[in-house]
Structures are given as structure tokens and as C-alpha cells.
């Protein structure tokens, strides 16, 4: 059914910063999106349009982006069919913007409408959103994979001497039997981590995403806390650890300040050795952005040393950019793509870069954004793409919990219809969910 109306308004994201809510009306009903956004200064290939008016919302208002939806995008899209024309809708919005980085209308505005169109298309097709996404991505509609939830529970912090920890630490329950159980294992471990930190670290804080924020220490310190929390929860061997080192944040003219408390920086080879030592000592299975985003040769050296035994994820390295992805493939710099829809601008383009990554032999980590909302779109996107893992926040903030609840709802739907064999938990096969289905004789 064609689009009848589109209307956008200014709302707030999880950090209290203005964002965009868009509503789209068709004969099948009204569909809404509440778009997430990137943090100020975060590496990005597309532009989040902000008002820049001093003294009003710190310049972060989105009234210009809202106006662009209501006055430019709306009249151009009325009459188009989301069920069959999602790619055309997204292509037309890019054409209306006319810039490569979407700076005229704003990637936040375009993404907000694109998310609505996907929801409207799913309803018109008689499909749940995750199956509509699978159809748009050219994947099977009959079998699904529930992702491993990589929950970010610890964060490093900068101090006055500019020493910083690795940015984020995740827990990943690959030993669970279902997504529902995976959430339980992570939640129990998070509660134990809270007790461990209360006992051992008086200098911590809790940020707006529910992450425990630690003062700069040796890189092994937060890992020791996580290992102890996993042990106390009784989930040793079932929960592994992921690290977002954010190497681009502590690169200093070709050297790296890894926050070990000394006044000296690490050389590239020393940092490679550090990662290798940590991977041997701790149950680490994922490492995101270990080096700067242009330090390609060092990425390649580390990737070769791990021999695909560890998932090396390009976040700031790849920026969900097709050209950088192809360069990473040619140079064997990493083996996984971090997929952030806020770095791309449309759902169609997000599906395209994910397919390109899969076809290049990469795994795909669907990721939350720095400033999230209570929109659960990412849950359906992860299942629709069979991505195998979702990176999101601690299980104690609404913007993250809503995604976990939606994933449990999807899994439960298969159980209610007596089809558990058609909805597998990725578990240890999180890097290649398609292979998991093949081994179970499902496609």
C-alpha cells in the first residue's frame, strides 16, 4: 500500500540529546521510528544534521532535519510503495540530499524515514520486520538465527594525564542454549560484576548507558574483574569476553598510549605483543579497533598472527564503508565488519554493505550507536541478516533492554508455533551463522 503521509518531530534520545521521531501512514496503519545518533566527534562518513544554534540544546537541536523531512522528503515519497520500493525510497532520499555525506537533509533524517519505510513495507507484505529485512537482503524467510548478545558492561576512562584504558569490555554468552538463556547468563554476570567492583574499586562511576566506568589502570585490570564476575556467576566456559580497544583514540604519532600507568607509549610491535598476551591469558574472542583507523599494516600483522582464531572487528577502521571494506579484504586487515546504521544513512545501504561483507568472507557485528533510543529496530535487523551477534549495552537501561526483549519475543514466536528447529541460537557459531544453518541442514 502506498505512503499516505509522513510527519517528523523532535524527541530525546537516551542521553537527553534531541533526535528525530518520524511517523509514516499507509492504509495498513501508522509506523514510527526513533532514530539513534552518533556521538559528537565520532568518526563517520555521513553527517548528522544539527541546528548549531548556540544557547539552544547546546547547538544539538534537530529542527532543521525535521523540517527537511516534512517539507522536502514527505512530498517526494507520498504514493510510493514501501513493500516493493524500499530501495527506490532510499535512493530517492539520497538524490534529494545530493551530497555524498548526506549533509543537506542529514543522515539522521534520512535514516529515520528509511526505518519507517521498512516497517511499513513489512506490514504491507504480511511479514514480521525481521523476515521483511531477510527478503530485502536476499536471504531465506524460513530459518532464523538468534544472535549472541555482546553486552558492553565496562568502559575505560580518560584522566588528566591523557592516559586512557581500552574503551569498552563486553560479555558474550556463547555457551547458552537459547537467546533467552543468553540474556539470563549475562544479567547474572552483570549483577556479580557490580558486587566485584563495589568490593575492589572505589573510583568507579556508572555512565548513562549502564556501563561501569573505571579509572585508568593496566589493561589486565578490567579483564580480571570480568573473569571474577563470570566465576562468581558460575558461568566459566560459557561466557567469553570482547574488547573494543578504540585504538584510534590513543594513537599518538604512530605510537600508542594504552593506559598502563607509565609515561611511555607502546610501539606497534609492543601493542601487538600485548594483545597476543591478553588473548592467551583471558577468554577473549573478539577485538574491535585495536589500532588507529589508518594503521593498515599493523592491523594486517595482528590479523595474521591470530590466524582467524579471534574475531578482529573493523569499527572506526571500516566505518561501514564499501571502499574501506574492500581494502580490508585485499590487505587481510580484519575479518569482521561492525555495522552501525547511523554510519550509513539508509536501511537499503545497510543491507548492501552487510551482504558485501558476507560475500567477502567477513562476519558482521550489528552494533548499537553512541546515543541510542528505545526503538527496537536493531533486534529485527540482526535476526533478518543472520548476523550472529548484536553489540549493545548493559541490561539495565531501557534503550538496550527493549532490544533484548524484542529478540526474546522473536525467539518465543518460533517456540509458540512449534518450530524451534527453525530458530537456532548462534552460540559458538556467532561468526558464521549461515554455516550453522547449513550444518543443521537448514538454509
Protein backbone atom coordinates (compact mmCIF):
# COMPACT_ATOMS: atom_id res chain seq x y z
CA UNK A 1 0.00 0.00 0.00
CA UNK A 2 1.35 3.47 -0.88
CA UNK A 3 2.60 6.04 1.59
CA UNK A 4 -0.17 8.45 2.51
CA UNK A 5 1.65 10.78 4.87
CA UNK A 6 4.94 11.35 6.70
CA UNK A 7 5.47 13.57 9.70
CA UNK A 8 8.58 14.15 11.80
CA UNK A 9 9.04 15.69 15.25
CA UNK A 10 11.87 16.39 17.68
CA UNK A 11 12.22 13.96 20.59
CA UNK A 12 15.01 12.95 23.01
CA UNK A 13 17.47 10.07 22.83
CA UNK A 14 18.76 8.07 25.80
CA UNK A 15 21.34 10.73 26.67
CA UNK A 16 18.86 13.62 26.66
CA UNK A 17 20.04 14.92 23.28
CA UNK A 18 17.41 15.83 20.65
CA UNK A 19 16.72 13.23 17.99
CA UNK A 20 14.06 12.60 15.34
CA UNK A 21 10.83 10.67 15.57
CA UNK A 22 9.17 10.01 12.22
CA UNK A 23 5.71 8.61 11.62
CA UNK A 24 4.55 7.18 8.30
CA UNK A 25 0.93 6.43 7.40
CA UNK A 26 -0.34 3.87 4.89
CA UNK A 27 -3.65 2.00 4.56
CA UNK A 28 -2.17 -0.61 6.89
CA UNK A 29 -1.67 1.84 9.74
CA UNK A 30 0.90 4.22 11.20
CA UNK A 31 4.55 3.27 11.62
CA UNK A 32 7.10 5.10 13.73
CA UNK A 33 10.85 5.28 14.21
CA UNK A 34 13.00 6.96 16.85
CA UNK A 35 16.41 7.28 15.28
CA UNK A 36 19.69 6.81 17.21
CA UNK A 37 22.68 9.02 16.50
CA UNK A 38 26.46 9.09 16.68
CA UNK A 39 28.34 10.86 19.44
CA UNK A 40 29.91 14.25 18.65
CA UNK A 41 33.39 13.74 17.24
CA UNK A 42 32.81 10.07 16.41
CA UNK A 43 34.37 9.01 13.12
CA UNK A 44 31.65 8.97 10.48
CA UNK A 45 31.23 9.05 6.72
CA UNK A 46 27.80 10.67 6.90
CA UNK A 47 26.55 13.85 8.55
CA UNK A 48 24.11 14.02 11.44
CA UNK A 49 22.34 17.32 10.77
CA UNK A 50 22.18 19.56 13.86
CA UNK A 51 20.91 23.12 14.20
CA UNK A 52 24.11 24.56 15.61
CA UNK A 53 22.19 27.32 17.38
CA UNK A 54 24.21 28.49 20.36
CA UNK A 55 22.25 28.52 23.61
CA UNK A 56 19.54 26.09 22.43
CA UNK A 57 20.12 22.42 23.25
CA UNK A 58 23.84 23.10 23.10
CA UNK A 59 23.54 23.51 19.35
CA UNK A 60 22.34 19.89 19.03
CA UNK A 61 18.73 20.56 18.07
CA UNK A 62 17.28 18.79 15.03
CA UNK A 63 14.62 21.25 13.87
CA UNK A 64 16.37 21.69 10.50
CA UNK A 65 16.41 17.93 9.97
CA UNK A 66 12.75 17.68 10.98
CA UNK A 67 11.87 20.50 8.60
CA UNK A 68 13.67 18.70 5.78
CA UNK A 69 11.55 15.59 6.31
CA UNK A 70 8.27 17.47 6.49
CA UNK A 71 8.89 19.88 3.61
CA UNK A 72 11.21 18.05 1.19
CA UNK A 73 11.14 14.29 1.80
CA UNK A 74 7.43 14.00 2.58
CA UNK A 75 6.01 15.30 -0.74
CA UNK A 76 8.57 13.31 -2.73
CA UNK A 77 7.69 9.96 -1.13
CA UNK A 78 3.89 10.11 -0.92
CA UNK A 79 2.46 7.50 -3.27
CA UNK A 80 5.46 5.18 -3.22
CA UNK A 81 5.08 1.55 -2.06
CA UNK A 82 7.36 0.57 0.85
CA UNK A 83 6.67 -3.14 0.34
CA UNK A 84 8.17 -3.17 -3.16
CA UNK A 85 10.09 0.11 -3.40
CA UNK A 86 12.27 0.33 -0.29
CA UNK A 87 15.44 0.63 -2.36
CA UNK A 88 13.82 3.27 -4.56
CA UNK A 89 12.65 5.23 -1.50
CA UNK A 90 16.17 5.22 -0.06
CA UNK A 91 17.71 6.07 -3.43
CA UNK A 92 15.31 8.98 -3.90
CA UNK A 93 16.17 10.43 -0.48
CA UNK A 94 19.87 10.31 -1.33
CA UNK A 95 19.08 12.08 -4.60
CA UNK A 96 17.07 14.75 -2.78
CA UNK A 97 20.03 15.34 -0.46
CA UNK A 98 22.51 15.45 -3.40
CA UNK A 99 25.66 15.14 -1.23
CA UNK A 100 27.85 12.10 -0.63
CA UNK A 101 27.73 12.53 3.16
CA UNK A 102 24.02 13.44 3.39
CA UNK A 103 24.83 16.85 4.84
CA UNK A 104 21.89 18.74 3.28
CA UNK A 105 18.99 16.75 4.71
CA UNK A 106 21.03 14.87 7.33
CA UNK A 107 21.74 11.16 7.68
CA UNK A 108 19.65 11.19 10.86
CA UNK A 109 16.62 12.48 8.94
CA UNK A 110 17.02 10.05 6.04
CA UNK A 111 17.61 7.06 8.32
CA UNK A 112 14.54 7.91 10.37
CA UNK A 113 12.33 7.79 7.27
CA UNK A 114 14.06 4.67 5.95
CA UNK A 115 13.36 2.80 9.20
CA UNK A 116 9.68 3.78 8.96
CA UNK A 117 9.51 2.63 5.35
CA UNK A 118 10.94 -0.78 6.27
CA UNK A 119 8.31 -1.21 8.99
CA UNK A 120 5.52 -0.13 6.63
CA UNK A 121 6.84 -2.47 3.95
CA UNK A 122 6.89 -5.39 6.36
CA UNK A 123 3.28 -4.81 7.38
CA UNK A 124 2.12 -4.48 3.76
CA UNK A 125 3.95 -7.71 2.90
CA UNK A 126 2.33 -9.58 5.78
CA UNK A 127 5.73 -10.29 7.30
CA UNK A 128 7.36 -9.55 10.65
CA UNK A 129 10.07 -6.93 10.24
CA UNK A 130 12.97 -9.39 10.54
CA UNK A 131 11.56 -11.51 7.69
CA UNK A 132 10.99 -8.46 5.51
CA UNK A 133 14.63 -7.48 6.12
CA UNK A 134 15.71 -11.01 5.20
CA UNK A 135 13.70 -10.76 1.97
CA UNK A 136 15.22 -7.39 1.11
CA UNK A 137 18.68 -8.84 1.79
CA UNK A 138 18.01 -11.84 -0.44
CA UNK A 139 18.00 -14.37 2.41
CA UNK A 140 15.69 -17.23 3.32
CA UNK A 141 12.48 -16.34 5.15
CA UNK A 142 12.06 -19.74 6.78
CA UNK A 143 15.02 -20.16 9.10
CA UNK A 144 16.44 -17.65 11.54
CA UNK A 145 19.45 -17.33 13.82
CA UNK A 146 19.25 -15.64 17.21
CA UNK A 147 22.36 -13.56 17.94
CA UNK A 148 24.81 -13.80 20.80
CA UNK A 149 24.29 -10.61 22.87
CA UNK A 150 27.65 -8.89 23.26
CA UNK A 151 26.73 -6.64 26.19
CA UNK A 152 29.04 -3.71 26.94
CA UNK A 153 29.38 -3.65 30.73
CA UNK A 154 32.74 -1.92 31.39
CA UNK A 155 34.23 1.26 29.99
CA UNK A 156 37.69 2.80 30.29
CA UNK A 157 38.06 6.47 31.14
CA UNK A 158 40.45 9.29 30.29
CA UNK A 159 42.22 11.17 33.07
CA UNK A 160 44.12 14.43 33.35
CA UNK A 161 47.40 12.96 32.11
CA UNK A 162 45.64 11.74 28.97
CA UNK A 163 46.15 8.10 29.89
CA UNK A 164 43.19 6.01 28.79
CA UNK A 165 42.05 2.43 29.11
CA UNK A 166 40.70 0.37 26.28
CA UNK A 167 37.29 1.86 25.66
CA UNK A 168 34.81 -1.00 26.15
CA UNK A 169 34.61 -4.53 27.53
CA UNK A 170 31.82 -6.94 26.58
CA UNK A 171 30.47 -10.23 27.87
CA UNK A 172 29.27 -12.82 25.34
CA UNK A 173 27.39 -15.99 26.44
CA UNK A 174 28.36 -18.32 23.60
CA UNK A 175 27.66 -21.34 25.80
CA UNK A 176 23.95 -20.62 26.22
CA UNK A 177 21.36 -22.89 24.60
CA UNK A 178 18.96 -20.11 23.58
CA UNK A 179 18.79 -16.34 23.39
CA UNK A 180 16.57 -16.27 26.46
CA UNK A 181 19.19 -18.20 28.42
CA UNK A 182 21.93 -15.97 27.00
CA UNK A 183 20.23 -12.89 28.44
CA UNK A 184 19.93 -14.62 31.81
CA UNK A 185 23.62 -15.57 31.88
CA UNK A 186 24.68 -12.04 31.01
CA UNK A 187 22.31 -10.45 33.52
CA UNK A 188 23.54 -12.71 36.32
CA UNK A 189 27.14 -11.92 35.42
CA UNK A 190 26.40 -8.18 35.32
CA UNK A 191 24.98 -8.36 38.85
CA UNK A 192 28.06 -10.23 40.06
CA UNK A 193 30.29 -7.69 38.33
CA UNK A 194 28.53 -4.97 40.27
CA UNK A 195 29.45 -6.68 43.54
CA UNK A 196 33.05 -7.32 42.44
CA UNK A 197 33.56 -3.67 41.53
CA UNK A 198 31.99 -2.42 44.77
CA UNK A 199 34.48 -4.58 46.67
CA UNK A 200 37.61 -3.81 44.67
CA UNK A 201 37.34 -0.37 43.06
CA UNK A 202 36.29 2.77 44.92
CA UNK A 203 36.96 5.05 41.95
CA UNK A 204 34.33 3.75 39.55
CA UNK A 205 31.25 5.53 38.21
CA UNK A 206 28.27 4.36 36.16
CA UNK A 207 27.61 6.14 32.87
CA UNK A 208 24.35 6.88 31.06
CA UNK A 209 24.48 3.51 29.27
CA UNK A 210 24.75 1.46 32.47
CA UNK A 211 28.45 0.70 31.97
CA UNK A 212 30.82 0.70 34.93
CA UNK A 213 33.45 3.33 34.16
CA UNK A 214 36.90 2.63 35.59
CA UNK A 215 39.85 4.89 36.28
CA UNK A 216 42.85 4.24 34.00
CA UNK A 217 44.64 1.06 35.03
CA UNK A 218 46.71 -1.66 33.39
CA UNK A 219 44.76 -3.31 30.53
CA UNK A 220 44.58 -6.54 32.53
CA UNK A 221 42.69 -4.92 35.43
CA UNK A 222 39.17 -4.78 33.93
CA UNK A 223 39.69 -8.24 32.46
CA UNK A 224 40.45 -9.60 35.93
CA UNK A 225 37.21 -8.04 37.19
CA UNK A 226 35.21 -9.68 34.39
CA UNK A 227 36.81 -13.09 34.93
CA UNK A 228 35.99 -12.90 38.64
CA UNK A 229 32.38 -11.86 37.91
CA UNK A 230 31.94 -14.73 35.44
CA UNK A 231 33.37 -17.15 38.03
CA UNK A 232 31.07 -15.92 40.80
CA UNK A 233 28.07 -16.21 38.49
CA UNK A 234 29.02 -19.82 37.81
CA UNK A 235 29.35 -19.34 34.06
CA UNK A 236 33.03 -20.10 33.45
CA UNK A 237 33.48 -21.50 29.95
CA UNK A 238 30.02 -20.33 28.89
CA UNK A 239 30.72 -16.59 28.80
CA UNK A 240 33.60 -15.10 26.86
CA UNK A 241 34.93 -11.53 26.61
CA UNK A 242 35.08 -8.94 23.84
CA UNK A 243 37.19 -5.76 23.81
CA UNK A 244 36.72 -2.52 21.93
CA UNK A 245 40.20 -1.06 22.29
CA UNK A 246 39.35 2.07 20.24
CA UNK A 247 42.98 2.31 19.13
CA UNK A 248 42.29 5.46 17.16
CA UNK A 249 41.66 7.26 20.47
CA UNK A 250 45.09 6.56 21.97
CA UNK A 251 47.30 6.64 18.88
CA UNK A 252 49.97 9.33 19.21
CA UNK A 253 52.00 9.89 16.02
CA UNK A 254 52.42 6.21 15.29
CA UNK A 255 52.77 5.22 18.95
CA UNK A 256 50.07 4.06 21.36
CA UNK A 257 49.30 5.19 24.90
CA UNK A 258 47.48 2.11 26.19
CA UNK A 259 46.91 3.50 29.67
CA UNK A 260 49.24 1.20 31.57
CA UNK A 261 50.11 3.91 34.08
CA UNK A 262 53.60 4.60 32.76
CA UNK A 263 54.75 7.72 30.97
CA UNK A 264 55.94 5.80 27.93
CA UNK A 265 53.93 4.89 24.84
CA UNK A 266 53.75 1.49 23.20
CA UNK A 267 55.25 0.85 19.78
CA UNK A 268 53.16 -1.01 17.20
CA UNK A 269 55.04 -4.26 17.81
CA UNK A 270 54.73 -3.90 21.59
CA UNK A 271 50.98 -3.38 21.31
CA UNK A 272 50.68 -6.44 19.06
CA UNK A 273 52.50 -8.44 21.74
CA UNK A 274 50.18 -7.04 24.40
CA UNK A 275 47.07 -8.18 22.51
CA UNK A 276 48.60 -11.60 21.93
CA UNK A 277 49.43 -11.98 25.62
CA UNK A 278 45.95 -10.88 26.71
CA UNK A 279 44.33 -13.32 24.26
CA UNK A 280 46.40 -16.17 25.74
CA UNK A 281 45.63 -15.28 29.35
CA UNK A 282 41.94 -14.34 29.14
CA UNK A 283 38.87 -15.84 27.37
CA UNK A 284 38.82 -13.15 24.67
CA UNK A 285 37.07 -13.96 21.40
CA UNK A 286 36.54 -10.51 19.85
CA UNK A 287 38.80 -7.48 19.48
CA UNK A 288 37.46 -4.28 17.94
CA UNK A 289 39.65 -1.46 16.63
CA UNK A 290 42.98 -2.46 18.22
CA UNK A 291 44.87 0.19 16.22
CA UNK A 292 44.34 3.54 14.53
CA UNK A 293 41.99 3.69 11.55
CA UNK A 294 44.80 4.25 9.03
CA UNK A 295 47.38 1.90 10.56
CA UNK A 296 46.59 -0.80 7.98
CA UNK A 297 49.91 -2.66 8.09
CA UNK A 298 49.71 -3.18 11.84
CA UNK A 299 46.14 -4.45 11.53
CA UNK A 300 47.32 -6.95 8.91
CA UNK A 301 50.19 -8.13 11.10
CA UNK A 302 47.93 -8.75 14.09
CA UNK A 303 45.28 -10.49 11.99
CA UNK A 304 47.89 -12.82 10.51
CA UNK A 305 49.24 -13.66 13.96
CA UNK A 306 45.81 -14.72 15.24
CA UNK A 307 45.14 -16.96 12.20
CA UNK A 308 41.36 -16.35 12.44
CA UNK A 309 41.28 -17.72 15.99
CA UNK A 310 39.97 -14.36 17.20
CA UNK A 311 37.37 -12.10 15.59
CA UNK A 312 39.12 -8.87 14.61
CA UNK A 313 36.43 -6.24 14.06
CA UNK A 314 36.77 -3.09 12.00
CA UNK A 315 34.61 -0.35 13.50
CA UNK A 316 36.35 3.00 13.12
CA UNK A 317 38.64 1.22 10.65
CA UNK A 318 35.84 0.45 8.19
CA UNK A 319 33.10 2.96 9.08
CA UNK A 320 30.62 0.64 7.31
CA UNK A 321 32.18 1.97 4.10
CA UNK A 322 32.31 -0.31 1.00
CA UNK A 323 35.65 1.04 -0.23
CA UNK A 324 37.35 0.57 3.14
CA UNK A 325 35.80 -2.89 3.40
CA UNK A 326 37.30 -3.92 0.06
CA UNK A 327 40.70 -2.53 1.05
CA UNK A 328 40.50 -4.50 4.30
CA UNK A 329 39.73 -7.63 2.31
CA UNK A 330 42.68 -7.13 -0.05
CA UNK A 331 45.08 -6.40 2.81
CA UNK A 332 43.63 -9.05 5.17
CA UNK A 333 43.46 -6.36 7.85
CA UNK A 334 40.50 -7.79 9.75
CA UNK A 335 37.80 -10.43 9.45
CA UNK A 336 34.64 -8.70 10.69
CA UNK A 337 32.61 -5.58 9.97
CA UNK A 338 30.96 -3.51 12.71
CA UNK A 339 27.63 -2.45 11.21
CA UNK A 340 26.19 0.83 12.52
CA UNK A 341 23.18 2.09 10.59
CA UNK A 342 23.96 5.62 11.77
CA UNK A 343 27.20 5.49 9.77
CA UNK A 344 25.36 4.64 6.56
CA UNK A 345 22.12 6.58 6.36
CA UNK A 346 19.58 4.13 4.89
CA UNK A 347 18.40 0.60 5.58
CA UNK A 348 18.92 -0.45 1.95
CA UNK A 349 22.56 0.63 2.06
CA UNK A 350 23.00 -1.10 5.43
CA UNK A 351 21.76 -4.37 3.94
CA UNK A 352 24.01 -3.90 0.92
CA UNK A 353 27.21 -3.40 2.95
CA UNK A 354 26.31 -6.38 5.16
CA UNK A 355 25.85 -8.60 2.09
CA UNK A 356 29.13 -7.34 0.65
CA UNK A 357 30.86 -8.22 3.92
CA UNK A 358 29.37 -11.73 3.96
CA UNK A 359 30.34 -12.27 0.32
CA UNK A 360 33.90 -11.17 1.18
CA UNK A 361 34.18 -13.78 3.91
CA UNK A 362 33.70 -11.31 6.77
CA UNK A 363 31.36 -11.73 9.70
CA UNK A 364 29.03 -8.87 10.64
CA UNK A 365 28.54 -7.41 14.11
CA UNK A 366 25.36 -5.33 14.25
CA UNK A 367 26.03 -2.55 16.75
CA UNK A 368 24.12 -0.01 18.75
CA UNK A 369 25.04 3.65 18.42
CA UNK A 370 26.56 6.04 20.94
CA UNK A 371 23.25 7.81 21.58
CA UNK A 372 20.55 5.14 21.45
CA UNK A 373 16.77 5.26 21.70
CA UNK A 374 14.00 2.90 22.79
CA UNK A 375 13.44 1.86 19.16
CA UNK A 376 13.97 -1.91 18.83
CA UNK A 377 14.73 -1.90 15.07
CA UNK A 378 18.25 -3.32 15.57
CA UNK A 379 16.82 -6.54 17.01
CA UNK A 380 14.94 -7.33 13.81
CA UNK A 381 17.86 -6.18 11.68
CA UNK A 382 20.22 -8.59 13.44
CA UNK A 383 17.90 -11.57 13.01
CA UNK A 384 17.00 -10.64 9.44
CA UNK A 385 20.66 -10.52 8.45
CA UNK A 386 21.57 -13.68 10.41
CA UNK A 387 24.42 -11.61 11.78
CA UNK A 388 25.07 -13.95 14.69
CA UNK A 389 25.89 -11.22 17.18
CA UNK A 390 24.47 -7.94 18.43
CA UNK A 391 26.63 -5.45 20.30
CA UNK A 392 24.55 -3.40 22.70
CA UNK A 393 24.63 -2.02 26.22
CA UNK A 394 24.21 -3.25 29.76
CA UNK A 395 20.92 -4.97 30.69
CA UNK A 396 19.77 -2.09 32.88
CA UNK A 397 18.79 0.76 30.54
CA UNK A 398 15.55 0.90 28.57
CA UNK A 399 17.19 1.65 25.23
CA UNK A 400 19.12 -1.64 25.44
CA UNK A 401 16.59 -3.78 27.28
CA UNK A 402 13.92 -3.07 24.64
CA UNK A 403 16.16 -4.73 22.03
CA UNK A 404 16.80 -7.79 24.20
CA UNK A 405 13.08 -8.09 24.94
CA UNK A 406 12.26 -7.91 21.23
CA UNK A 407 14.78 -10.66 20.48
CA UNK A 408 13.26 -12.88 23.17
CA UNK A 409 9.85 -12.20 21.64
CA UNK A 410 11.08 -13.27 18.18
CA UNK A 411 12.56 -16.48 19.60
CA UNK A 412 9.38 -17.19 21.53
CA UNK A 413 7.28 -16.86 18.36
CA UNK A 414 9.05 -19.85 16.83
CA UNK A 415 8.51 -21.85 20.03
CA UNK A 416 4.81 -21.00 20.12
CA UNK A 417 4.36 -22.34 16.60
CA UNK A 418 6.33 -25.49 17.40
CA UNK A 419 9.25 -24.56 15.17
CA UNK A 420 12.29 -24.34 17.48
CA UNK A 421 14.40 -26.10 14.84
CA UNK A 422 13.85 -23.10 12.53
CA UNK A 423 15.27 -20.61 15.03
CA UNK A 424 18.75 -21.54 16.21
CA UNK A 425 20.87 -19.70 18.77
CA UNK A 426 24.20 -18.74 17.20
CA UNK A 427 26.30 -19.65 20.24
CA UNK A 428 29.83 -20.70 19.32
CA UNK A 429 28.97 -20.24 15.62
CA UNK A 430 28.34 -16.49 16.04
CA UNK A 431 30.94 -15.65 13.39
CA UNK A 432 29.24 -17.73 10.69
CA UNK A 433 25.53 -18.21 11.33
CA UNK A 434 24.97 -19.31 7.73
CA UNK A 435 27.34 -22.21 8.29
CA UNK A 436 25.41 -23.12 11.44
CA UNK A 437 22.20 -23.43 9.41
CA UNK A 438 23.98 -25.47 6.74
CA UNK A 439 25.34 -27.90 9.33
CA UNK A 440 21.80 -28.33 10.64
CA UNK A 441 20.56 -28.91 7.05
CA UNK A 442 18.70 -25.60 7.05
CA UNK A 443 19.07 -22.76 4.53
